[in-house]
N, C-alpha and C. Protein backbone atom coordinates (compact mmCIF):
# COMPACT_ATOMS: atom_id res chain seq x y z
N SER A 1 -5.78 -6.82 -7.98
CA SER A 1 -4.63 -6.10 -7.45
C SER A 1 -3.76 -7.06 -6.65
N PRO A 2 -2.47 -6.82 -6.63
CA PRO A 2 -1.56 -7.74 -5.95
C PRO A 2 -1.76 -7.70 -4.44
N ASN A 3 -1.42 -8.81 -3.81
CA ASN A 3 -1.46 -8.88 -2.34
C ASN A 3 -0.17 -8.33 -1.80
N TYR A 4 -0.26 -7.55 -0.74
CA TYR A 4 0.92 -7.01 -0.06
C TYR A 4 0.92 -7.55 1.34
N CYS A 5 2.03 -8.16 1.72
CA CYS A 5 2.10 -8.67 3.08
C CYS A 5 2.47 -7.54 4.02
N ILE A 6 1.95 -7.63 5.21
CA ILE A 6 2.28 -6.64 6.22
C ILE A 6 3.67 -6.96 6.76
N VAL A 7 4.47 -5.96 6.88
CA VAL A 7 5.82 -6.13 7.38
C VAL A 7 5.76 -6.32 8.89
N ASN A 8 6.35 -7.38 9.41
CA ASN A 8 6.39 -7.64 10.84
C ASN A 8 7.22 -6.55 11.51
N SER A 9 6.69 -5.93 12.54
CA SER A 9 7.37 -4.80 13.16
C SER A 9 8.66 -5.21 13.88
N SER A 10 8.94 -6.50 14.02
CA SER A 10 10.18 -6.91 14.66
C SER A 10 11.35 -6.87 13.67
N ILE A 11 11.08 -6.64 12.38
CA ILE A 11 12.14 -6.54 11.39
C ILE A 11 12.93 -5.26 11.66
N MET A 12 14.23 -5.34 11.51
CA MET A 12 15.06 -4.17 11.75
C MET A 12 14.70 -3.05 10.78
N GLU A 13 14.95 -1.82 11.18
CA GLU A 13 14.55 -0.65 10.41
C GLU A 13 15.04 -0.68 8.97
N GLY A 14 16.26 -1.09 8.74
CA GLY A 14 16.80 -1.16 7.38
C GLY A 14 16.03 -2.12 6.50
N GLN A 15 15.65 -3.26 7.07
CA GLN A 15 14.87 -4.23 6.32
C GLN A 15 13.47 -3.70 6.04
N LEU A 16 12.90 -2.98 6.99
CA LEU A 16 11.59 -2.39 6.81
C LEU A 16 11.63 -1.37 5.67
N GLU A 17 12.61 -0.48 5.69
CA GLU A 17 12.77 0.50 4.62
C GLU A 17 12.94 -0.19 3.27
N SER A 18 13.70 -1.28 3.26
CA SER A 18 13.92 -2.03 2.03
C SER A 18 12.62 -2.61 1.48
N GLN A 19 11.79 -3.15 2.36
CA GLN A 19 10.52 -3.72 1.92
C GLN A 19 9.56 -2.64 1.44
N VAL A 20 9.54 -1.50 2.12
CA VAL A 20 8.69 -0.39 1.69
C VAL A 20 9.15 0.11 0.32
N THR A 21 10.46 0.21 0.13
CA THR A 21 11.00 0.62 -1.17
C THR A 21 10.60 -0.37 -2.26
N GLU A 22 10.71 -1.66 -1.96
CA GLU A 22 10.34 -2.69 -2.93
C GLU A 22 8.87 -2.57 -3.33
N ILE A 23 8.00 -2.37 -2.35
CA ILE A 23 6.56 -2.22 -2.65
C ILE A 23 6.34 -0.96 -3.48
N SER A 24 7.02 0.13 -3.12
CA SER A 24 6.80 1.40 -3.82
C SER A 24 7.29 1.37 -5.26
N GLN A 25 8.15 0.42 -5.61
CA GLN A 25 8.65 0.29 -6.98
C GLN A 25 7.74 -0.57 -7.86
N THR A 26 6.67 -1.11 -7.28
CA THR A 26 5.70 -1.88 -8.05
C THR A 26 4.96 -0.94 -9.00
N PRO A 27 4.80 -1.31 -10.26
CA PRO A 27 4.08 -0.43 -11.19
C PRO A 27 2.69 -0.06 -10.65
N GLY A 28 2.37 1.22 -10.72
CA GLY A 28 1.07 1.71 -10.27
C GLY A 28 1.04 2.14 -8.82
N ILE A 29 2.06 1.81 -8.05
CA ILE A 29 2.13 2.19 -6.63
C ILE A 29 2.88 3.51 -6.54
N VAL A 30 2.23 4.51 -5.93
CA VAL A 30 2.86 5.83 -5.82
C VAL A 30 3.11 6.26 -4.38
N GLY A 31 2.66 5.46 -3.42
CA GLY A 31 2.89 5.78 -2.02
C GLY A 31 2.72 4.58 -1.13
N VAL A 32 3.53 4.50 -0.08
CA VAL A 32 3.48 3.41 0.90
C VAL A 32 3.79 3.99 2.27
N ILE A 33 3.04 3.54 3.28
CA ILE A 33 3.38 3.89 4.66
C ILE A 33 3.13 2.68 5.54
N CYS A 34 4.03 2.47 6.49
CA CYS A 34 3.89 1.42 7.49
C CYS A 34 3.89 2.10 8.85
N THR A 35 2.90 1.77 9.68
CA THR A 35 2.78 2.38 11.00
C THR A 35 2.73 1.30 12.08
N ASP A 36 2.96 1.72 13.32
CA ASP A 36 2.68 0.81 14.42
C ASP A 36 1.23 1.01 14.84
N LYS A 37 0.76 0.24 15.82
CA LYS A 37 -0.65 0.31 16.23
C LYS A 37 -1.03 1.66 16.83
N GLN A 38 -0.05 2.38 17.37
CA GLN A 38 -0.33 3.68 17.99
C GLN A 38 -0.32 4.82 16.97
N GLY A 39 -0.02 4.52 15.72
CA GLY A 39 -0.02 5.54 14.68
C GLY A 39 1.32 6.21 14.45
N LEU A 40 2.40 5.60 14.95
CA LEU A 40 3.74 6.12 14.70
C LEU A 40 4.22 5.61 13.34
N SER A 41 4.71 6.50 12.51
CA SER A 41 5.22 6.11 11.20
C SER A 41 6.52 5.33 11.37
N LEU A 42 6.56 4.12 10.81
CA LEU A 42 7.77 3.31 10.84
C LEU A 42 8.57 3.49 9.56
N ALA A 43 7.87 3.73 8.44
CA ALA A 43 8.51 3.98 7.14
C ALA A 43 7.45 4.55 6.22
N ALA A 44 7.86 5.50 5.36
CA ALA A 44 6.92 6.10 4.42
C ALA A 44 7.68 6.54 3.17
N GLN A 45 7.01 6.38 2.02
CA GLN A 45 7.60 6.83 0.76
C GLN A 45 6.50 7.30 -0.18
N GLY A 46 6.84 8.22 -1.06
CA GLY A 46 5.92 8.67 -2.08
C GLY A 46 4.82 9.56 -1.54
N THR A 47 3.61 9.37 -2.05
CA THR A 47 2.48 10.24 -1.72
C THR A 47 1.98 10.07 -0.30
N LEU A 48 2.27 8.95 0.33
CA LEU A 48 1.81 8.74 1.72
C LEU A 48 2.92 9.17 2.67
N LYS A 49 2.74 10.32 3.25
CA LYS A 49 3.74 10.95 4.11
C LYS A 49 3.58 10.47 5.56
N SER A 50 4.63 10.62 6.33
CA SER A 50 4.61 10.23 7.74
C SER A 50 3.49 10.91 8.51
N SER A 51 3.11 12.10 8.08
CA SER A 51 2.03 12.83 8.77
C SER A 51 0.68 12.12 8.67
N ALA A 52 0.54 11.16 7.76
CA ALA A 52 -0.71 10.41 7.60
C ALA A 52 -0.77 9.17 8.49
N ALA A 53 0.30 8.90 9.23
CA ALA A 53 0.39 7.65 10.01
C ALA A 53 -0.76 7.48 11.00
N GLY A 54 -1.10 8.52 11.74
CA GLY A 54 -2.18 8.42 12.72
C GLY A 54 -3.52 8.15 12.08
N ILE A 55 -3.77 8.78 10.94
CA ILE A 55 -5.03 8.57 10.22
C ILE A 55 -5.11 7.14 9.71
N VAL A 56 -4.03 6.65 9.13
CA VAL A 56 -3.98 5.27 8.60
C VAL A 56 -4.22 4.26 9.72
N ALA A 57 -3.52 4.41 10.84
CA ALA A 57 -3.69 3.49 11.96
C ALA A 57 -5.10 3.57 12.53
N GLY A 58 -5.64 4.79 12.60
CA GLY A 58 -6.99 4.98 13.13
C GLY A 58 -8.06 4.33 12.26
N LEU A 59 -7.94 4.48 10.94
CA LEU A 59 -8.90 3.84 10.03
C LEU A 59 -8.84 2.31 10.16
N ALA A 60 -7.63 1.78 10.23
CA ALA A 60 -7.47 0.33 10.39
C ALA A 60 -8.07 -0.14 11.71
N SER A 61 -7.83 0.60 12.77
CA SER A 61 -8.36 0.24 14.09
C SER A 61 -9.88 0.25 14.09
N GLN A 62 -10.47 1.29 13.50
CA GLN A 62 -11.93 1.38 13.44
C GLN A 62 -12.52 0.23 12.64
N ALA A 63 -11.90 -0.10 11.50
CA ALA A 63 -12.39 -1.22 10.69
C ALA A 63 -12.24 -2.54 11.43
N ASN A 64 -11.15 -2.70 12.17
CA ASN A 64 -10.95 -3.94 12.94
C ASN A 64 -12.02 -4.11 14.01
N SER A 65 -12.57 -3.01 14.50
CA SER A 65 -13.59 -3.11 15.54
C SER A 65 -14.92 -3.67 15.02
N LEU A 66 -15.09 -3.72 13.70
CA LEU A 66 -16.30 -4.32 13.13
C LEU A 66 -16.34 -5.83 13.37
N LYS A 67 -15.18 -6.46 13.41
CA LYS A 67 -14.99 -7.86 13.77
C LYS A 67 -16.04 -8.80 13.17
N MET A 68 -16.02 -8.97 11.86
CA MET A 68 -16.97 -9.83 11.17
C MET A 68 -16.63 -11.32 11.31
N GLY A 69 -15.34 -11.63 11.41
CA GLY A 69 -14.93 -13.03 11.48
C GLY A 69 -14.80 -13.51 12.91
N THR A 70 -14.51 -14.77 13.05
CA THR A 70 -14.39 -15.36 14.39
C THR A 70 -12.95 -15.38 14.90
N GLY A 71 -11.98 -15.31 13.99
CA GLY A 71 -10.59 -15.41 14.41
C GLY A 71 -9.90 -14.06 14.50
N ASP A 72 -8.82 -14.01 15.26
CA ASP A 72 -8.04 -12.79 15.38
C ASP A 72 -7.31 -12.45 14.09
N ASP A 73 -7.12 -13.45 13.22
CA ASP A 73 -6.41 -13.24 11.96
C ASP A 73 -7.30 -12.62 10.89
N ASP A 74 -8.58 -12.48 11.16
CA ASP A 74 -9.53 -11.97 10.18
C ASP A 74 -9.59 -10.45 10.27
N LYS A 75 -8.64 -9.78 9.60
CA LYS A 75 -8.56 -8.32 9.61
C LYS A 75 -9.08 -7.79 8.28
N PRO A 76 -9.91 -6.75 8.31
CA PRO A 76 -10.44 -6.19 7.06
C PRO A 76 -9.39 -5.35 6.33
N THR A 77 -9.60 -5.19 5.04
CA THR A 77 -8.84 -4.25 4.24
C THR A 77 -9.73 -3.04 4.01
N VAL A 78 -9.23 -1.87 4.35
CA VAL A 78 -9.96 -0.62 4.13
C VAL A 78 -9.49 -0.07 2.79
N VAL A 79 -10.44 0.29 1.93
CA VAL A 79 -10.09 0.89 0.64
C VAL A 79 -10.73 2.27 0.58
N VAL A 80 -9.88 3.27 0.43
CA VAL A 80 -10.35 4.65 0.26
C VAL A 80 -10.22 4.96 -1.23
N GLU A 81 -11.37 5.19 -1.88
CA GLU A 81 -11.37 5.40 -3.33
C GLU A 81 -11.40 6.88 -3.68
N PHE A 82 -10.56 7.23 -4.63
CA PHE A 82 -10.52 8.56 -5.21
C PHE A 82 -10.72 8.42 -6.71
N ASP A 83 -11.03 9.50 -7.40
CA ASP A 83 -11.14 9.44 -8.85
C ASP A 83 -9.81 9.05 -9.49
N THR A 84 -8.73 9.38 -8.83
CA THR A 84 -7.40 9.15 -9.40
C THR A 84 -6.68 7.93 -8.84
N GLY A 85 -7.32 7.15 -7.98
CA GLY A 85 -6.66 5.96 -7.44
C GLY A 85 -7.26 5.54 -6.11
N ASN A 86 -6.66 4.53 -5.50
CA ASN A 86 -7.13 3.98 -4.23
C ASN A 86 -6.00 3.92 -3.22
N ILE A 87 -6.38 4.03 -1.95
CA ILE A 87 -5.45 3.74 -0.86
C ILE A 87 -6.00 2.53 -0.14
N MET A 88 -5.20 1.45 -0.10
CA MET A 88 -5.59 0.22 0.57
C MET A 88 -4.86 0.14 1.90
N ILE A 89 -5.59 -0.13 2.98
CA ILE A 89 -5.03 -0.15 4.33
C ILE A 89 -5.33 -1.50 4.96
N LYS A 90 -4.31 -2.14 5.50
CA LYS A 90 -4.46 -3.46 6.11
C LYS A 90 -3.57 -3.54 7.34
N SER A 91 -4.09 -4.08 8.42
CA SER A 91 -3.28 -4.24 9.63
C SER A 91 -3.12 -5.71 9.97
N GLN A 92 -2.07 -5.97 10.73
CA GLN A 92 -1.85 -7.29 11.30
C GLN A 92 -1.53 -7.10 12.77
N GLU A 93 -0.77 -8.00 13.33
CA GLU A 93 -0.54 -7.99 14.77
C GLU A 93 -0.03 -6.66 15.30
N ARG A 94 1.09 -6.18 14.78
CA ARG A 94 1.74 -5.00 15.36
C ARG A 94 1.89 -3.83 14.41
N SER A 95 1.48 -3.99 13.16
CA SER A 95 1.71 -2.92 12.20
C SER A 95 0.54 -2.79 11.23
N THR A 96 0.52 -1.66 10.55
CA THR A 96 -0.49 -1.37 9.54
C THR A 96 0.24 -0.86 8.31
N LEU A 97 -0.20 -1.34 7.15
CA LEU A 97 0.39 -0.93 5.89
C LEU A 97 -0.66 -0.26 5.03
N ALA A 98 -0.34 0.88 4.44
CA ALA A 98 -1.21 1.55 3.48
C ALA A 98 -0.45 1.69 2.17
N VAL A 99 -1.16 1.40 1.07
CA VAL A 99 -0.55 1.46 -0.26
C VAL A 99 -1.44 2.33 -1.14
N HIS A 100 -0.87 3.34 -1.77
CA HIS A 100 -1.59 4.22 -2.69
C HIS A 100 -1.33 3.74 -4.11
N LYS A 101 -2.39 3.31 -4.76
CA LYS A 101 -2.28 2.75 -6.12
C LYS A 101 -3.09 3.60 -7.08
N VAL A 102 -2.48 3.90 -8.25
CA VAL A 102 -3.19 4.67 -9.28
C VAL A 102 -3.46 3.79 -10.49
C-alpha cells in the first residue's frame, strides 16, 4: 500500500484541504480524515466523517503509548481491518491522519 505523509498542522487550512482531497482521489481510497492531537477534525472527506476525529486521535494516542522504539519519531501505524477494507491511522508531531482503503 502507498505511504501517506502526515500533513503538518502548520499548513494553512486551504492547503490541508487540498492535500486531503489529493489523497482521497487515490484509487481505492474512499475516506480521509486529519485531526489534531486533541481529536479536533482539521479536514475530512468521504467515508471518514468529522464525527470520527476523536476516535481516530484516541486510537493513535493509545498505540503511541506502546512506545516500542527508542526515538520520538517511531510512531506506530494502527490498522483497523474490515471485510470490506482497512482504515490506516498514523500520527506525527501535531496531527493524525486516517485513510480508509478498499
